[in-house]
Amino acid sequence: MFAVFESGGKQHRVIEGEVVRLERLDGEPGDTIVFDRVLMIAEGDDIAIGEPLVEGGQVTGEVVGQGRGKKIRVIKFKRRKNYLRKKGHRQAFTDVRITAINR
Protein backbone atom coordinates (compact mmCIF):
# COMPACT_ATOMS: atom_id res chain seq x y z
CA MET A 1 0.00 0.00 0.00
CA PHE A 2 1.29 3.45 -0.85
CA ALA A 3 -0.02 6.99 -0.95
CA VAL A 4 0.85 10.27 -2.64
CA PHE A 5 0.30 13.39 -0.55
CA GLU A 6 1.17 17.07 -0.76
CA SER A 7 3.24 18.95 1.80
CA GLY A 8 5.26 22.12 1.45
CA GLY A 9 4.18 22.56 -2.17
CA LYS A 10 5.70 19.20 -3.14
CA GLN A 11 4.22 15.75 -3.73
CA HIS A 12 5.61 12.75 -1.87
CA ARG A 13 5.04 9.02 -2.55
CA VAL A 14 5.24 7.06 0.70
CA ILE A 15 4.63 3.63 2.19
CA GLU A 16 4.02 2.73 5.84
CA GLY A 17 7.19 2.66 7.94
CA GLU A 18 9.17 4.89 5.56
CA VAL A 19 11.04 7.95 6.86
CA VAL A 20 10.60 10.93 4.54
CA ARG A 21 12.35 14.31 4.67
CA LEU A 22 9.88 17.20 4.28
CA GLU A 23 10.05 20.98 4.34
CA ARG A 24 10.11 22.28 7.91
CA LEU A 25 6.93 21.51 9.88
CA ASP A 26 6.01 22.59 13.40
CA GLY A 27 6.39 19.84 15.98
CA GLU A 28 8.80 18.20 18.35
CA PRO A 29 10.20 14.68 17.95
CA GLY A 30 7.49 12.22 18.95
CA ASP A 31 4.58 14.45 17.86
CA THR A 32 1.96 13.07 15.47
CA ILE A 33 1.19 14.87 12.21
CA VAL A 34 -1.81 14.18 9.97
CA PHE A 35 -1.60 15.00 6.26
CA ASP A 36 -5.08 15.38 4.76
CA ARG A 37 -4.07 16.59 1.28
CA VAL A 38 -3.90 13.04 -0.12
CA LEU A 39 -3.84 12.85 -3.92
CA MET A 40 -3.78 9.06 -4.39
CA ILE A 41 -3.97 5.84 -2.38
CA ALA A 42 -3.16 2.46 -3.92
CA GLU A 43 -3.36 -1.05 -2.50
CA GLY A 44 -2.62 -3.65 -5.15
CA ASP A 45 -5.14 -3.20 -7.97
CA ASP A 46 -7.43 -1.06 -5.79
CA ILE A 47 -6.50 2.55 -6.62
CA ALA A 48 -8.22 5.71 -5.38
CA ILE A 49 -7.29 8.85 -7.30
CA GLY A 50 -8.55 12.18 -6.00
CA GLU A 51 -10.10 14.94 -8.04
CA PRO A 52 -8.07 16.75 -6.73
CA LEU A 53 -8.05 15.06 -3.26
CA VAL A 54 -9.09 11.61 -2.08
CA GLU A 55 -12.27 11.95 -0.04
CA GLY A 56 -11.49 11.02 3.59
CA GLY A 57 -7.88 10.07 2.83
CA GLN A 58 -5.28 10.63 5.54
CA VAL A 59 -1.60 9.92 5.96
CA THR A 60 -0.40 9.88 9.58
CA GLY A 61 3.20 10.34 10.58
CA GLU A 62 5.41 10.77 13.62
CA VAL A 63 8.10 13.47 13.78
CA VAL A 64 11.50 11.77 14.06
CA GLY A 65 13.67 14.89 14.08
CA GLN A 66 14.25 18.46 12.95
CA GLY A 67 17.37 19.74 11.27
CA ARG A 68 19.04 21.84 8.63
CA GLY A 69 20.57 20.63 5.39
CA LYS A 70 24.07 21.16 4.05
CA LYS A 71 25.09 24.71 3.30
CA ILE A 72 24.88 25.83 -0.28
CA ARG A 73 26.82 28.83 -1.51
CA VAL A 74 25.26 31.45 -3.76
CA ILE A 75 27.70 33.67 -5.63
CA LYS A 76 27.02 36.70 -7.83
CA PHE A 77 30.01 37.75 -9.89
CA LYS A 78 30.67 40.19 -12.72
CA ARG A 79 34.10 40.09 -14.23
CA ARG A 80 36.20 43.24 -14.50
CA LYS A 81 33.65 45.25 -12.49
CA ASN A 82 34.97 44.58 -8.97
CA TYR A 83 31.63 42.94 -8.13
CA LEU A 84 31.43 39.79 -5.99
CA ARG A 85 28.66 38.83 -3.54
CA LYS A 86 28.69 35.61 -1.52
CA LYS A 87 25.78 34.19 0.45
CA GLY A 88 25.11 30.89 2.15
CA HIS A 89 21.83 29.08 2.83
CA ARG A 90 20.81 26.05 4.88
CA GLN A 91 17.31 24.69 4.29
CA ALA A 92 15.38 23.56 7.37
CA PHE A 93 13.74 20.11 7.21
CA THR A 94 11.66 17.69 9.27
CA ASP A 95 12.09 13.91 9.17
CA VAL A 96 8.73 12.12 9.45
CA ARG A 97 8.11 8.37 9.85
CA ILE A 98 4.86 7.34 8.13
CA THR A 99 2.77 5.31 10.60
CA ALA A 100 -0.58 4.85 8.82
CA ILE A 101 -2.36 5.37 5.53
CA ASN A 102 -6.16 5.60 5.89
CA ARG A 103 -8.86 5.79 3.29
PDB file of N, CA and C in Angstrom:
ATOM      1  N   MET A   1       0.846  -1.175   0.000  1.00  0.00           N
ATOM      2  CA  MET A   1       0.000   0.000   0.000  1.00  0.00           C
ATOM      3  C   MET A   1       0.888   1.234   0.000  1.00  0.00           C
ATOM      4  N   PHE A   2       0.566   2.186  -0.850  1.00  0.00           N
ATOM      5  CA  PHE A   2       1.289   3.449  -0.854  1.00  0.00           C
ATOM      6  C   PHE A   2       0.315   4.592  -1.075  1.00  0.00           C
ATOM      7  N   ALA A   3       0.799   5.805  -0.785  1.00  0.00           N
ATOM      8  CA  ALA A   3      -0.019   6.994  -0.953  1.00  0.00           C
ATOM      9  C   ALA A   3       0.849   8.119  -1.501  1.00  0.00           C
ATOM     10  N   VAL A   4       0.193   9.056  -2.173  1.00  0.00           N
ATOM     11  CA  VAL A   4       0.848  10.274  -2.638  1.00  0.00           C
ATOM     12  C   VAL A   4       0.131  11.430  -1.953  1.00  0.00           C
ATOM     13  N   PHE A   5       0.900  12.245  -1.223  1.00  0.00           N
ATOM     14  CA  PHE A   5       0.299  13.393  -0.545  1.00  0.00           C
ATOM     15  C   PHE A   5       1.122  14.638  -0.824  1.00  0.00           C
ATOM     16  N   GLU A   6       0.541  15.772  -0.502  1.00  0.00           N
ATOM     17  CA  GLU A   6       1.175  17.065  -0.765  1.00  0.00           C
ATOM     18  C   GLU A   6       1.540  17.726   0.562  1.00  0.00           C
ATOM     19  N   SER A   7       2.779  18.226   0.624  1.00  0.00           N
ATOM     20  CA  SER A   7       3.242  18.946   1.804  1.00  0.00           C
ATOM     21  C   SER A   7       4.342  19.903   1.379  1.00  0.00           C
ATOM     22  N   GLY A   8       4.239  21.137   1.784  1.00  0.00           N
ATOM     23  CA  GLY A   8       5.260  22.121   1.447  1.00  0.00           C
ATOM     24  C   GLY A   8       5.332  22.428  -0.037  1.00  0.00           C
ATOM     25  N   GLY A   9       4.202  22.281  -0.748  1.00  0.00           N
ATOM     26  CA  GLY A   9       4.175  22.559  -2.172  1.00  0.00           C
ATOM     27  C   GLY A   9       4.772  21.454  -3.027  1.00  0.00           C
ATOM     28  N   LYS A  10       5.106  20.325  -2.417  1.00  0.00           N
ATOM     29  CA  LYS A  10       5.699  19.202  -3.142  1.00  0.00           C
ATOM     30  C   LYS A  10       4.852  17.945  -2.918  1.00  0.00           C
ATOM     31  N   GLN A  11       4.941  17.008  -3.847  1.00  0.00           N
ATOM     32  CA  GLN A  11       4.221  15.750  -3.731  1.00  0.00           C
ATOM     33  C   GLN A  11       5.199  14.660  -3.320  1.00  0.00           C
ATOM     34  N   HIS A  12       4.761  13.802  -2.391  1.00  0.00           N
ATOM     35  CA  HIS A  12       5.607  12.748  -1.866  1.00  0.00           C
ATOM     36  C   HIS A  12       4.881  11.409  -1.967  1.00  0.00           C
ATOM     37  N   ARG A  13       5.578  10.384  -2.484  1.00  0.00           N
ATOM     38  CA  ARG A  13       5.044   9.025  -2.553  1.00  0.00           C
ATOM     39  C   ARG A  13       5.638   8.258  -1.381  1.00  0.00           C
ATOM     40  N   VAL A  14       4.774   7.701  -0.526  1.00  0.00           N
ATOM     41  CA  VAL A  14       5.243   7.060   0.702  1.00  0.00           C
ATOM     42  C   VAL A  14       4.556   5.714   0.916  1.00  0.00           C
ATOM     43  N   ILE A  15       5.220   4.861   1.709  1.00  0.00           N
ATOM     44  CA  ILE A  15       4.631   3.627   2.189  1.00  0.00           C
ATOM     45  C   ILE A  15       4.731   3.643   3.711  1.00  0.00           C
ATOM     46  N   GLU A  16       3.981   2.768   4.376  1.00  0.00           N
ATOM     47  CA  GLU A  16       4.024   2.726   5.840  1.00  0.00           C
ATOM     48  C   GLU A  16       5.404   2.301   6.311  1.00  0.00           C
ATOM     49  N   GLY A  17       5.895   2.965   7.367  1.00  0.00           N
ATOM     50  CA  GLY A  17       7.194   2.656   7.940  1.00  0.00           C
ATOM     51  C   GLY A  17       8.346   3.443   7.340  1.00  0.00           C
ATOM     52  N   GLU A  18       8.120   4.128   6.233  1.00  0.00           N
ATOM     53  CA  GLU A  18       9.169   4.887   5.562  1.00  0.00           C
ATOM     54  C   GLU A  18       9.427   6.202   6.293  1.00  0.00           C
ATOM     55  N   VAL A  19      10.681   6.646   6.310  1.00  0.00           N
ATOM     56  CA  VAL A  19      11.039   7.952   6.860  1.00  0.00           C
ATOM     57  C   VAL A  19      11.273   8.886   5.690  1.00  0.00           C
ATOM     58  N   VAL A  20      10.526   9.984   5.658  1.00  0.00           N
ATOM     59  CA  VAL A  20      10.595  10.927   4.544  1.00  0.00           C
ATOM     60  C   VAL A  20      11.038  12.293   5.071  1.00  0.00           C
ATOM     61  N   ARG A  21      11.851  12.988   4.290  1.00  0.00           N
ATOM     62  CA  ARG A  21      12.352  14.314   4.670  1.00  0.00           C
ATOM     63  C   ARG A  21      11.497  15.361   3.978  1.00  0.00           C
ATOM     64  N   LEU A  22      10.805  16.192   4.786  1.00  0.00           N
ATOM     65  CA  LEU A  22       9.883  17.203   4.282  1.00  0.00           C
ATOM     66  C   LEU A  22      10.394  18.595   4.606  1.00  0.00           C
ATOM     67  N   GLU A  23       9.783  19.595   3.955  1.00  0.00           N
ATOM     68  CA  GLU A  23      10.051  20.983   4.336  1.00  0.00           C
ATOM     69  C   GLU A  23       9.688  21.143   5.804  1.00  0.00           C
ATOM     70  N   ARG A  24      10.280  22.101   6.469  1.00  0.00           N
ATOM     71  CA  ARG A  24      10.108  22.277   7.914  1.00  0.00           C
ATOM     72  C   ARG A  24       8.630  22.350   8.306  1.00  0.00           C
ATOM     73  N   LEU A  25       8.268  21.529   9.299  1.00  0.00           N
ATOM     74  CA  LEU A  25       6.932  21.513   9.879  1.00  0.00           C
ATOM     75  C   LEU A  25       7.042  21.777  11.374  1.00  0.00           C
ATOM     76  N   ASP A  26       6.018  22.370  11.955  1.00  0.00           N
ATOM     77  CA  ASP A  26       6.009  22.587  13.397  1.00  0.00           C
ATOM     78  C   ASP A  26       5.820  21.252  14.102  1.00  0.00           C
ATOM     79  N   GLY A  27       6.532  21.062  15.194  1.00  0.00           N
ATOM     80  CA  GLY A  27       6.387  19.840  15.975  1.00  0.00           C
ATOM     81  C   GLY A  27       7.711  19.385  16.536  1.00  0.00           C
ATOM     82  N   GLU A  28       7.627  18.757  17.682  1.00  0.00           N
ATOM     83  CA  GLU A  28       8.797  18.205  18.347  1.00  0.00           C
ATOM     84  C   GLU A  28       8.902  16.719  18.025  1.00  0.00           C
ATOM     85  N   PRO A  29      10.088  16.131  18.163  1.00  0.00           N
ATOM     86  CA  PRO A  29      10.197  14.684  17.949  1.00  0.00           C
ATOM     87  C   PRO A  29       9.228  13.915  18.848  1.00  0.00           C
ATOM     88  N   GLY A  30       8.502  12.986  18.237  1.00  0.00           N
ATOM     89  CA  GLY A  30       7.492  12.219  18.952  1.00  0.00           C
ATOM     90  C   GLY A  30       6.077  12.703  18.686  1.00  0.00           C
ATOM     91  N   ASP A  31       5.916  13.924  18.172  1.00  0.00           N
ATOM     92  CA  ASP A  31       4.583  14.452  17.864  1.00  0.00           C
ATOM     93  C   ASP A  31       4.003  13.735  16.650  1.00  0.00           C
ATOM     94  N   THR A  32       2.669  13.688  16.591  1.00  0.00           N
ATOM     95  CA  THR A  32       1.964  13.072  15.470  1.00  0.00           C
ATOM     96  C   THR A  32       1.461  14.157  14.526  1.00  0.00           C
ATOM     97  N   ILE A  33       1.642  13.931  13.237  1.00  0.00           N
ATOM     98  CA  ILE A  33       1.190  14.870  12.213  1.00  0.00           C
ATOM     99  C   ILE A  33       0.252  14.124  11.276  1.00  0.00           C
ATOM    100  N   VAL A  34      -0.857  14.771  10.897  1.00  0.00           N
ATOM    101  CA  VAL A  34      -1.810  14.181   9.968  1.00  0.00           C
ATOM    102  C   VAL A  34      -1.804  15.013   8.686  1.00  0.00           C
ATOM    103  N   PHE A  35      -1.571  14.351   7.570  1.00  0.00           N
ATOM    104  CA  PHE A  35      -1.602  14.999   6.259  1.00  0.00           C
ATOM    105  C   PHE A  35      -2.930  14.640   5.611  1.00  0.00           C
ATOM    106  N   ASP A  36      -3.762  15.654   5.337  1.00  0.00           N
ATOM    107  CA  ASP A  36      -5.077  15.380   4.758  1.00  0.00           C
ATOM    108  C   ASP A  36      -5.157  15.752   3.276  1.00  0.00           C
ATOM    109  N   ARG A  37      -4.099  16.285   2.712  1.00  0.00           N
ATOM    110  CA  ARG A  37      -4.069  16.586   1.277  1.00  0.00           C
ATOM    111  C   ARG A  37      -3.507  15.364   0.539  1.00  0.00           C
ATOM    112  N   VAL A  38      -4.306  14.295   0.504  1.00  0.00           N
ATOM    113  CA  VAL A  38      -3.904  13.035  -0.117  1.00  0.00           C
ATOM    114  C   VAL A  38      -4.414  13.030  -1.555  1.00  0.00           C
ATOM    115  N   LEU A  39      -3.499  12.815  -2.503  1.00  0.00           N
ATOM    116  CA  LEU A  39      -3.842  12.847  -3.921  1.00  0.00           C
ATOM    117  C   LEU A  39      -4.166  11.466  -4.480  1.00  0.00           C
ATOM    118  N   MET A  40      -3.554  10.410  -3.880  1.00  0.00           N
ATOM    119  CA  MET A  40      -3.778   9.065  -4.386  1.00  0.00           C
ATOM    120  C   MET A  40      -3.453   8.047  -3.308  1.00  0.00           C
ATOM    121  N   ILE A  41      -4.246   6.975  -3.260  1.00  0.00           N
ATOM    122  CA  ILE A  41      -3.974   5.840  -2.381  1.00  0.00           C
ATOM    123  C   ILE A  41      -4.122   4.580  -3.225  1.00  0.00           C
ATOM    124  N   ALA A  42      -3.124   3.687  -3.125  1.00  0.00           N
ATOM    125  CA  ALA A  42      -3.164   2.457  -3.917  1.00  0.00           C
ATOM    126  C   ALA A  42      -2.819   1.272  -3.034  1.00  0.00           C
ATOM    127  N   GLU A  43      -3.613   0.210  -3.194  1.00  0.00           N
ATOM    128  CA  GLU A  43      -3.362  -1.052  -2.497  1.00  0.00           C
ATOM    129  C   GLU A  43      -3.592  -2.167  -3.507  1.00  0.00           C
ATOM    130  N   GLY A  44      -2.505  -2.654  -4.094  1.00  0.00           N
ATOM    131  CA  GLY A  44      -2.623  -3.653  -5.148  1.00  0.00           C
ATOM    132  C   GLY A  44      -3.296  -3.052  -6.368  1.00  0.00           C
ATOM    133  N   ASP A  45      -4.397  -3.700  -6.815  1.00  0.00           N
ATOM    134  CA  ASP A  45      -5.139  -3.197  -7.969  1.00  0.00           C
ATOM    135  C   ASP A  45      -6.205  -2.181  -7.580  1.00  0.00           C
ATOM    136  N   ASP A  46      -6.435  -2.008  -6.288  1.00  0.00           N
ATOM    137  CA  ASP A  46      -7.426  -1.059  -5.786  1.00  0.00           C
ATOM    138  C   ASP A  46      -6.779   0.319  -5.665  1.00  0.00           C
ATOM    139  N   ILE A  47      -7.123   1.225  -6.570  1.00  0.00           N
ATOM    140  CA  ILE A  47      -6.499   2.552  -6.620  1.00  0.00           C
ATOM    141  C   ILE A  47      -7.572   3.616  -6.461  1.00  0.00           C
ATOM    142  N   ALA A  48      -7.317   4.570  -5.565  1.00  0.00           N
ATOM    143  CA  ALA A  48      -8.218   5.712  -5.381  1.00  0.00           C
ATOM    144  C   ALA A  48      -7.453   6.964  -5.770  1.00  0.00           C
ATOM    145  N   ILE A  49      -7.916   7.620  -6.828  1.00  0.00           N
ATOM    146  CA  ILE A  49      -7.287   8.852  -7.299  1.00  0.00           C
ATOM    147  C   ILE A  49      -8.237   9.994  -7.012  1.00  0.00           C
ATOM    148  N   GLY A  50      -7.728  11.034  -6.360  1.00  0.00           N
ATOM    149  CA  GLY A  50      -8.554  12.176  -5.997  1.00  0.00           C
ATOM    150  C   GLY A  50      -8.744  13.136  -7.148  1.00  0.00           C
ATOM    151  N   GLU A  51      -9.804  13.909  -7.038  1.00  0.00           N
ATOM    152  CA  GLU A  51     -10.098  14.937  -8.035  1.00  0.00           C
ATOM    153  C   GLU A  51     -10.400  16.257  -7.346  1.00  0.00           C
ATOM    154  N   PRO A  52      -9.510  16.998  -6.764  1.00  0.00           N
ATOM    155  CA  PRO A  52      -8.071  16.747  -6.726  1.00  0.00           C
ATOM    156  C   PRO A  52      -7.618  15.925  -5.517  1.00  0.00           C
ATOM    157  N   LEU A  53      -8.462  15.787  -4.467  1.00  0.00           N
ATOM    158  CA  LEU A  53      -8.052  15.064  -3.263  1.00  0.00           C
ATOM    159  C   LEU A  53      -8.914  13.826  -3.056  1.00  0.00           C
ATOM    160  N   VAL A  54      -8.341  12.816  -2.417  1.00  0.00           N
ATOM    161  CA  VAL A  54      -9.090  11.610  -2.077  1.00  0.00           C
ATOM    162  C   VAL A  54     -10.004  11.942  -0.901  1.00  0.00           C
ATOM    163  N   GLU A  55     -11.278  11.648  -1.078  1.00  0.00           N
ATOM    164  CA  GLU A  55     -12.274  11.946  -0.037  1.00  0.00           C
ATOM    165  C   GLU A  55     -12.003  11.089   1.200  1.00  0.00           C
ATOM    166  N   GLY A  56     -11.723  11.727   2.337  1.00  0.00           N
ATOM    167  CA  GLY A  56     -11.490  11.021   3.586  1.00  0.00           C
ATOM    168  C   GLY A  56     -10.110  10.395   3.708  1.00  0.00           C
ATOM    169  N   GLY A  57      -9.224  10.652   2.777  1.00  0.00           N
ATOM    170  CA  GLY A  57      -7.878  10.072   2.828  1.00  0.00           C
ATOM    171  C   GLY A  57      -6.982  10.806   3.813  1.00  0.00           C
ATOM    172  N   GLN A  58      -6.204  10.052   4.564  1.00  0.00           N
ATOM    173  CA  GLN A  58      -5.281  10.626   5.540  1.00  0.00           C
ATOM    174  C   GLN A  58      -3.990   9.822   5.559  1.00  0.00           C
ATOM    175  N   VAL A  59      -2.886  10.545   5.730  1.00  0.00           N
ATOM    176  CA  VAL A  59      -1.596   9.917   5.961  1.00  0.00           C
ATOM    177  C   VAL A  59      -1.122  10.435   7.315  1.00  0.00           C
ATOM    178  N   THR A  60      -0.821   9.518   8.229  1.00  0.00           N
ATOM    179  CA  THR A  60      -0.402   9.883   9.576  1.00  0.00           C
ATOM    180  C   THR A  60       1.077   9.587   9.728  1.00  0.00           C
ATOM    181  N   GLY A  61       1.766  10.522  10.373  1.00  0.00           N
ATOM    182  CA  GLY A  61       3.199  10.342  10.576  1.00  0.00           C
ATOM    183  C   GLY A  61       3.636  10.817  11.940  1.00  0.00           C
ATOM    184  N   GLU A  62       4.825  10.385  12.330  1.00  0.00           N
ATOM    185  CA  GLU A  62       5.414  10.774  13.616  1.00  0.00           C
ATOM    186  C   GLU A  62       6.716  11.518  13.335  1.00  0.00           C
ATOM    187  N   VAL A  63       6.893  12.674  13.967  1.00  0.00           N
ATOM    188  CA  VAL A  63       8.100  13.467  13.775  1.00  0.00           C
ATOM    189  C   VAL A  63       9.280  12.723  14.400  1.00  0.00           C
ATOM    190  N   VAL A  64      10.299  12.464  13.586  1.00  0.00           N
ATOM    191  CA  VAL A  64      11.496  11.772  14.055  1.00  0.00           C
ATOM    192  C   VAL A  64      12.539  12.797  14.491  1.00  0.00           C
ATOM    193  N   GLY A  65      12.675  13.882  13.735  1.00  0.00           N
ATOM    194  CA  GLY A  65      13.667  14.892  14.084  1.00  0.00           C
ATOM    195  C   GLY A  65      13.542  16.124  13.210  1.00  0.00           C
ATOM    196  N   GLN A  66      14.186  17.195  13.678  1.00  0.00           N
ATOM    197  CA  GLN A  66      14.251  18.456  12.953  1.00  0.00           C
ATOM    198  C   GLN A  66      15.722  18.707  12.629  1.00  0.00           C
ATOM    199  N   GLY A  67      15.985  19.444  11.590  1.00  0.00           N
ATOM    200  CA  GLY A  67      17.374  19.737  11.274  1.00  0.00           C
ATOM    201  C   GLY A  67      17.497  20.743  10.150  1.00  0.00           C
ATOM    202  N   ARG A  68      18.744  20.950   9.747  1.00  0.00           N
ATOM    203  CA  ARG A  68      19.036  21.840   8.630  1.00  0.00           C
ATOM    204  C   ARG A  68      19.985  21.117   7.687  1.00  0.00           C
ATOM    205  N   GLY A  69      19.773  21.302   6.404  1.00  0.00           N
ATOM    206  CA  GLY A  69      20.567  20.628   5.390  1.00  0.00           C
ATOM    207  C   GLY A  69      21.970  21.209   5.261  1.00  0.00           C
ATOM    208  N   LYS A  70      22.727  20.670   4.315  1.00  0.00           N
ATOM    209  CA  LYS A  70      24.067  21.156   4.055  1.00  0.00           C
ATOM    210  C   LYS A  70      24.015  22.587   3.512  1.00  0.00           C
ATOM    211  N   LYS A  71      25.040  23.339   3.779  1.00  0.00           N
ATOM    212  CA  LYS A  71      25.089  24.713   3.305  1.00  0.00           C
ATOM    213  C   LYS A  71      25.376  24.748   1.802  1.00  0.00           C
ATOM    214  N   ILE A  72      24.586  25.576   1.124  1.00  0.00           N
ATOM    215  CA  ILE A  72      24.880  25.832  -0.280  1.00  0.00           C
ATOM    216  C   ILE A  72      25.377  27.266  -0.389  1.00  0.00           C
ATOM    217  N   ARG A  73      26.240  27.497  -1.306  1.00  0.00           N
ATOM    218  CA  ARG A  73      26.818  28.830  -1.507  1.00  0.00           C
ATOM    219  C   ARG A  73      26.212  29.444  -2.758  1.00  0.00           C
ATOM    220  N   VAL A  74      25.810  30.699  -2.643  1.00  0.00           N
ATOM    221  CA  VAL A  74      25.256  31.445  -3.763  1.00  0.00           C
ATOM    222  C   VAL A  74      26.215  32.588  -4.040  1.00  0.00           C
ATOM    223  N   ILE A  75      26.712  32.663  -5.271  1.00  0.00           N
ATOM    224  CA  ILE A  75      27.704  33.673  -5.627  1.00  0.00           C
ATOM    225  C   ILE A  75      27.205  34.467  -6.821  1.00  0.00           C
ATOM    226  N   LYS A  76      27.275  35.798  -6.697  1.00  0.00           N
ATOM    227  CA  LYS A  76      27.020  36.697  -7.828  1.00  0.00           C
ATOM    228  C   LYS A  76      28.355  37.314  -8.190  1.00  0.00           C
ATOM    229  N   PHE A  77      28.702  37.295  -9.476  1.00  0.00           N
ATOM    230  CA  PHE A  77      30.012  37.751  -9.890  1.00  0.00           C
ATOM    231  C   PHE A  77      29.927  38.394 -11.266  1.00  0.00           C
ATOM    232  N   LYS A  78      30.544  39.540 -11.416  1.00  0.00           N
ATOM    233  CA  LYS A  78      30.667  40.188 -12.723  1.00  0.00           C
ATOM    234  C   LYS A  78      32.136  40.494 -12.950  1.00  0.00           C
ATOM    235  N   ARG A  79      32.672  39.934 -13.987  1.00  0.00           N
ATOM    236  CA  ARG A  79      34.102  40.089 -14.228  1.00  0.00           C
ATOM    237  C   ARG A  79      34.455  41.524 -14.608  1.00  0.00           C
ATOM    238  N   ARG A  80      35.614  41.923 -14.210  1.00  0.00           N
ATOM    239  CA  ARG A  80      36.204  43.243 -14.503  1.00  0.00           C
ATOM    240  C   ARG A  80      35.383  44.392 -13.948  1.00  0.00           C
ATOM    241  N   LYS A  81      34.471  44.172 -13.058  1.00  0.00           N
ATOM    242  CA  LYS A  81      33.648  45.251 -12.494  1.00  0.00           C
ATOM    243  C   LYS A  81      33.822  45.370 -10.986  1.00  0.00           C
ATOM    244  N   ASN A  82      34.747  44.585 -10.413  1.00  0.00           N
ATOM    245  CA  ASN A  82      34.975  44.584  -8.968  1.00  0.00           C
ATOM    246  C   ASN A  82      33.676  44.275  -8.215  1.00  0.00           C
ATOM    247  N   TYR A  83      32.918  43.295  -8.724  1.00  0.00           N
ATOM    248  CA  TYR A  83      31.629  42.944  -8.131  1.00  0.00           C
ATOM    249  C   TYR A  83      31.622  41.456  -7.776  1.00  0.00           C
ATOM    250  N   LEU A  84      31.496  41.164  -6.480  1.00  0.00           N
ATOM    251  CA  LEU A  84      31.427  39.792  -5.993  1.00  0.00           C
ATOM    252  C   LEU A  84      30.586  39.781  -4.729  1.00  0.00           C
ATOM    253  N   ARG A  85      29.520  38.975  -4.716  1.00  0.00           N
ATOM    254  CA  ARG A  85      28.661  38.832  -3.538  1.00  0.00           C
ATOM    255  C   ARG A  85      28.546  37.352  -3.208  1.00  0.00           C
ATOM    256  N   LYS A  86      28.793  36.994  -1.968  1.00  0.00           N
ATOM    257  CA  LYS A  86      28.694  35.606  -1.520  1.00  0.00           C
ATOM    258  C   LYS A  86      27.613  35.510  -0.452  1.00  0.00           C
ATOM    259  N   LYS A  87      26.800  34.479  -0.546  1.00  0.00           N
ATOM    260  CA  LYS A  87      25.781  34.187   0.451  1.00  0.00           C
ATOM    261  C   LYS A  87      25.735  32.684   0.676  1.00  0.00           C
ATOM    262  N   GLY A  88      25.303  32.303   1.855  1.00  0.00           N
ATOM    263  CA  GLY A  88      25.111  30.891   2.154  1.00  0.00           C
ATOM    264  C   GLY A  88      23.674  30.663   2.595  1.00  0.00           C
ATOM    265  N   HIS A  89      23.203  29.417   2.432  1.00  0.00           N
ATOM    266  CA  HIS A  89      21.831  29.084   2.833  1.00  0.00           C
ATOM    267  C   HIS A  89      21.779  27.638   3.296  1.00  0.00           C
ATOM    268  N   ARG A  90      21.063  27.405   4.400  1.00  0.00           N
ATOM    269  CA  ARG A  90      20.808  26.049   4.881  1.00  0.00           C
ATOM    270  C   ARG A  90      19.305  25.879   5.022  1.00  0.00           C
ATOM    271  N   GLN A  91      18.751  24.928   4.290  1.00  0.00           N
ATOM    272  CA  GLN A  91      17.314  24.695   4.294  1.00  0.00           C
ATOM    273  C   GLN A  91      16.911  23.859   5.503  1.00  0.00           C
ATOM    274  N   ALA A  92      15.888  24.310   6.221  1.00  0.00           N
ATOM    275  CA  ALA A  92      15.379  23.561   7.373  1.00  0.00           C
ATOM    276  C   ALA A  92      14.500  22.409   6.883  1.00  0.00           C
ATOM    277  N   PHE A  93      14.543  21.270   7.600  1.00  0.00           N
ATOM    278  CA  PHE A  93      13.739  20.105   7.215  1.00  0.00           C
ATOM    279  C   PHE A  93      13.209  19.416   8.460  1.00  0.00           C
ATOM    280  N   THR A  94      12.233  18.538   8.231  1.00  0.00           N
ATOM    281  CA  THR A  94      11.663  17.690   9.266  1.00  0.00           C
ATOM    282  C   THR A  94      11.643  16.258   8.740  1.00  0.00           C
ATOM    283  N   ASP A  95      12.171  15.335   9.524  1.00  0.00           N
ATOM    284  CA  ASP A  95      12.086  13.913   9.170  1.00  0.00           C
ATOM    285  C   ASP A  95      10.833  13.337   9.812  1.00  0.00           C
ATOM    286  N   VAL A  96      10.005  12.672   8.998  1.00  0.00           N
ATOM    287  CA  VAL A  96       8.730  12.123   9.455  1.00  0.00           C
ATOM    288  C   VAL A  96       8.673  10.640   9.100  1.00  0.00           C
ATOM    289  N   ARG A  97       8.335   9.795  10.093  1.00  0.00           N
ATOM    290  CA  ARG A  97       8.107   8.366   9.848  1.00  0.00           C
ATOM    291  C   ARG A  97       6.621   8.165   9.612  1.00  0.00           C
ATOM    292  N   ILE A  98       6.260   7.568   8.483  1.00  0.00           N
ATOM    293  CA  ILE A  98       4.857   7.344   8.132  1.00  0.00           C
ATOM    294  C   ILE A  98       4.351   6.147   8.941  1.00  0.00           C
ATOM    295  N   THR A  99       3.297   6.363   9.734  1.00  0.00           N
ATOM    296  CA  THR A  99       2.774   5.315  10.600  1.00  0.00           C
ATOM    297  C   THR A  99       1.495   4.676  10.060  1.00  0.00           C
ATOM    298  N   ALA A 100       0.679   5.415   9.317  1.00  0.00           N
ATOM    299  CA  ALA A 100      -0.577   4.849   8.824  1.00  0.00           C
ATOM    300  C   ALA A 100      -1.054   5.577   7.575  1.00  0.00           C
ATOM    301  N   ILE A 101      -1.704   4.812   6.711  1.00  0.00           N
ATOM    302  CA  ILE A 101      -2.365   5.366   5.533  1.00  0.00           C
ATOM    303  C   ILE A 101      -3.818   4.924   5.608  1.00  0.00           C
ATOM    304  N   ASN A 102      -4.733   5.889   5.729  1.00  0.00           N
ATOM    305  CA  ASN A 102      -6.163   5.599   5.894  1.00  0.00           C
ATOM    306  C   ASN A 102      -6.949   6.124   4.710  1.00  0.00           C
ATOM    307  N   ARG A 103      -8.001   5.402   4.382  1.00  0.00           N
ATOM    308  CA  ARG A 103      -8.863   5.791   3.289  1.00  0.00           C
ATOM    309  C   ARG A 103     -10.107   6.474   3.770  1.00  0.00           C
TER     310      ARG A 103
END
